Amino acid sequence: MSTISRRKLIGGSAAIPGAVALSLLGQKFSWAFGQSSGDFTDDIDVLNYALTLEYLESEFYKQGNSKNLLPDKKEADYLRAIGADEDAHVKAISDTIRSKGGEPVAAPAVDFKDSFASRQKFLETAATFENLGVQAYLGAAGSISDKAILQAAAGIFGGTSAWR
C-alpha cells in the first residue's frame, strides 16, 4: 500500500481506495508521515479536513444507494436520507470555508471496491463510516479555535446541519 499524507487527502490530489479512506479516518488523524491533528494550521484547515470526510461519505452513499442493494423500502429510504444529509454537510462546510475567506478543497476520487458487493457489505461499511466520522469530528474538535465553528461541528456530530 502506498503512503498518503494528510495534505494529499485534503487537497483532493490523490485517488483514495475506500479501505484506505476508512483506515485513515479510523486512525483519528495519525497519518503515514507522522502527522497528527495538532498539525492543523487554522480553522480553515480543519474545515477542509471535515469537508474531505463529508465528500467521502457523500460519495459512498451516492455509489451505494445507486446499486439498489436494499430491497426494504424503509431501509433504502433511510440510507438515501443519510446521503442527502452528507450532501448538505458538503454544501454547508464549503459555504462556511468561503465565508471565512478560505478555498474549499476538491473532492478526492474514491474507489470503494467491494463495499457494495452485497446488502450486508454496504450496511457494514456504512456503519463503519458513521462511527469513524464521529471519531474524526471528536479528534479535530480540539484544533478548532472559532467557537461558532465548533458549535456547528457539534451540530453535524449530533446529527444536525448547523454550519454557517
Protein backbone atom coordinates (compact mmCIF):
# COMPACT_ATOMS: atom_id res chain seq x y z
CA MET A 1 0.00 0.00 0.00
CA SER A 2 1.37 3.44 -0.83
CA THR A 3 1.53 6.15 1.79
CA ILE A 4 -0.66 9.20 1.64
CA SER A 5 -0.29 12.44 3.51
CA ARG A 6 -3.00 14.49 5.14
CA ARG A 7 -2.16 17.21 2.62
CA LYS A 8 -2.80 14.84 -0.30
CA LEU A 9 -6.05 13.65 1.25
CA ILE A 10 -7.49 17.08 1.95
CA GLY A 11 -6.03 18.51 -1.23
CA GLY A 12 -8.01 16.10 -3.36
CA SER A 13 -4.92 15.22 -5.37
CA ALA A 14 -5.00 11.50 -4.68
CA ALA A 15 -7.31 8.72 -5.75
CA ILE A 16 -8.12 7.01 -2.48
CA PRO A 17 -9.19 3.40 -2.18
CA GLY A 18 -12.22 3.22 0.11
CA ALA A 19 -10.44 0.91 2.56
CA VAL A 20 -7.59 3.41 2.87
CA ALA A 21 -10.03 6.26 3.48
CA LEU A 22 -11.70 4.26 6.25
CA SER A 23 -8.33 3.37 7.72
CA LEU A 24 -7.19 6.99 7.73
CA LEU A 25 -10.35 8.09 9.46
CA GLY A 26 -10.04 5.30 12.00
CA GLN A 27 -6.57 6.48 12.93
CA LYS A 28 -8.05 9.80 14.05
CA PHE A 29 -5.56 11.90 12.06
CA SER A 30 -2.50 9.73 12.67
CA TRP A 31 -1.00 9.78 9.20
CA ALA A 32 1.64 7.86 7.32
CA PHE A 33 4.07 10.78 7.59
CA GLY A 34 3.75 11.09 11.36
CA GLN A 35 1.28 13.93 11.27
CA SER A 36 -1.45 14.32 13.85
CA SER A 37 -4.48 16.52 14.47
CA GLY A 38 -2.15 19.06 16.09
CA ASP A 39 -0.78 19.77 12.62
CA PHE A 40 -3.80 21.79 11.52
CA THR A 41 -2.67 25.33 10.75
CA ASP A 42 -6.01 27.06 11.33
CA ASP A 43 -9.77 26.58 11.33
CA ILE A 44 -9.90 26.56 7.50
CA ASP A 45 -7.50 23.60 7.53
CA VAL A 46 -9.76 21.77 10.00
CA LEU A 47 -12.83 22.65 7.94
CA ASN A 48 -11.19 21.34 4.79
CA TYR A 49 -10.44 18.09 6.57
CA ALA A 50 -14.08 17.88 7.68
CA LEU A 51 -15.10 18.67 4.10
CA THR A 52 -12.96 15.81 2.84
CA LEU A 53 -14.67 13.48 5.30
CA GLU A 54 -18.07 14.67 4.10
CA TYR A 55 -17.02 14.23 0.46
CA LEU A 56 -16.06 10.64 1.23
CA GLU A 57 -19.34 9.94 3.00
CA SER A 58 -21.41 11.70 0.35
CA GLU A 59 -19.77 9.75 -2.45
CA PHE A 60 -20.11 6.50 -0.52
CA TYR A 61 -23.87 6.95 -0.20
CA LYS A 62 -24.24 8.10 -3.82
CA GLN A 63 -22.49 4.99 -5.07
CA GLY A 64 -24.12 2.62 -2.59
CA ASN A 65 -27.64 3.92 -3.00
CA SER A 66 -27.33 3.70 -6.78
CA LYS A 67 -26.69 -0.07 -6.53
CA ASN A 68 -30.23 -0.83 -5.30
CA LEU A 69 -28.94 -3.33 -2.75
CA LEU A 70 -31.67 -2.62 -0.22
CA PRO A 71 -34.96 -4.34 -1.03
CA ASP A 72 -36.61 -3.00 2.13
CA LYS A 73 -38.09 0.42 1.26
CA LYS A 74 -37.65 1.83 4.78
CA GLU A 75 -34.02 0.80 4.83
CA ALA A 76 -33.40 2.25 1.37
CA ASP A 77 -35.19 5.50 2.25
CA TYR A 78 -33.16 5.79 5.44
CA LEU A 79 -29.82 5.44 3.63
CA ARG A 80 -30.95 7.87 0.93
CA ALA A 81 -31.76 10.37 3.71
CA ILE A 82 -28.30 9.87 5.20
CA GLY A 83 -26.80 10.50 1.77
CA ALA A 84 -28.82 13.70 1.43
CA ASP A 85 -27.54 14.80 4.87
CA GLU A 86 -23.96 14.18 3.73
CA ASP A 87 -24.60 16.27 0.59
CA ALA A 88 -25.98 19.06 2.81
CA HIS A 89 -22.89 18.86 5.02
CA VAL A 90 -20.64 19.24 1.95
CA LYS A 91 -22.52 22.37 0.91
CA ALA A 92 -22.64 23.86 4.40
CA ILE A 93 -18.95 23.29 5.12
CA SER A 94 -17.97 24.60 1.68
CA ASP A 95 -20.08 27.72 2.27
CA THR A 96 -18.52 28.17 5.72
CA ILE A 97 -14.99 27.88 4.34
CA ARG A 98 -15.79 30.53 1.71
CA SER A 99 -17.43 32.80 4.31
CA LYS A 100 -14.22 32.61 6.38
CA GLY A 101 -12.14 33.61 3.35
CA GLY A 102 -10.87 30.14 2.52
CA GLU A 103 -11.00 27.91 -0.52
CA PRO A 104 -12.76 24.54 -0.23
CA VAL A 105 -10.62 21.58 -1.28
CA ALA A 106 -11.67 19.47 -4.24
CA ALA A 107 -13.35 16.15 -3.65
CA PRO A 108 -10.90 13.25 -3.74
CA ALA A 109 -11.51 10.38 -6.14
CA VAL A 110 -12.56 7.30 -4.19
CA ASP A 111 -12.83 3.66 -5.15
CA PHE A 112 -14.94 1.79 -2.62
CA LYS A 113 -14.17 -1.54 -4.32
CA ASP A 114 -16.25 -4.35 -2.79
CA SER A 115 -18.14 -2.14 -0.32
CA PHE A 116 -21.21 -2.68 -2.48
CA ALA A 117 -20.76 -6.40 -3.14
CA SER A 118 -23.89 -7.13 -1.12
CA ARG A 119 -26.51 -5.54 1.09
CA GLN A 120 -24.61 -6.73 4.16
CA LYS A 121 -21.30 -5.27 2.98
CA PHE A 122 -22.96 -1.92 2.16
CA LEU A 123 -24.57 -1.73 5.60
CA GLU A 124 -21.39 -2.79 7.42
CA THR A 125 -19.32 -0.19 5.58
CA ALA A 126 -21.97 2.47 6.22
CA ALA A 127 -21.85 1.72 9.95
CA THR A 128 -18.05 1.88 9.89
CA PHE A 129 -18.14 5.22 8.07
CA GLU A 130 -20.60 6.70 10.54
CA ASN A 131 -18.64 5.55 13.59
CA LEU A 132 -15.32 6.71 12.20
CA GLY A 133 -16.85 10.02 11.16
CA VAL A 134 -17.85 10.63 14.76
CA GLN A 135 -14.30 9.81 15.88
CA ALA A 136 -12.87 12.16 13.25
CA TYR A 137 -15.05 15.05 14.41
CA LEU A 138 -14.11 14.39 18.03
CA GLY A 139 -10.45 14.15 17.09
CA ALA A 140 -10.47 17.52 15.33
CA ALA A 141 -12.58 19.41 17.88
CA GLY A 142 -9.57 20.45 19.94
CA SER A 143 -7.98 22.08 16.89
CA ILE A 144 -10.87 24.48 16.25
CA SER A 145 -10.48 27.98 17.71
CA ASP A 146 -13.68 29.67 16.46
CA LYS A 147 -16.48 28.80 18.90
CA ALA A 148 -19.16 29.18 16.20
CA ILE A 149 -17.38 26.63 14.02
CA LEU A 150 -17.00 24.30 17.00
CA GLN A 151 -20.73 24.60 17.71
CA ALA A 152 -21.57 23.87 14.07
CA ALA A 153 -19.25 20.85 14.10
CA ALA A 154 -21.06 19.62 17.20
CA GLY A 155 -24.33 20.02 15.28
CA ILE A 156 -23.10 17.75 12.49
CA PHE A 157 -21.64 15.35 15.05
CA GLY A 158 -25.03 15.33 16.77
CA GLY A 159 -26.96 14.87 13.54
CA THR A 160 -27.95 18.43 12.58
CA SER A 161 -26.67 20.83 9.96
CA ALA A 162 -25.73 23.99 11.83
CA TRP A 163 -22.85 25.24 9.66
CA ARG A 164 -22.92 28.96 8.81
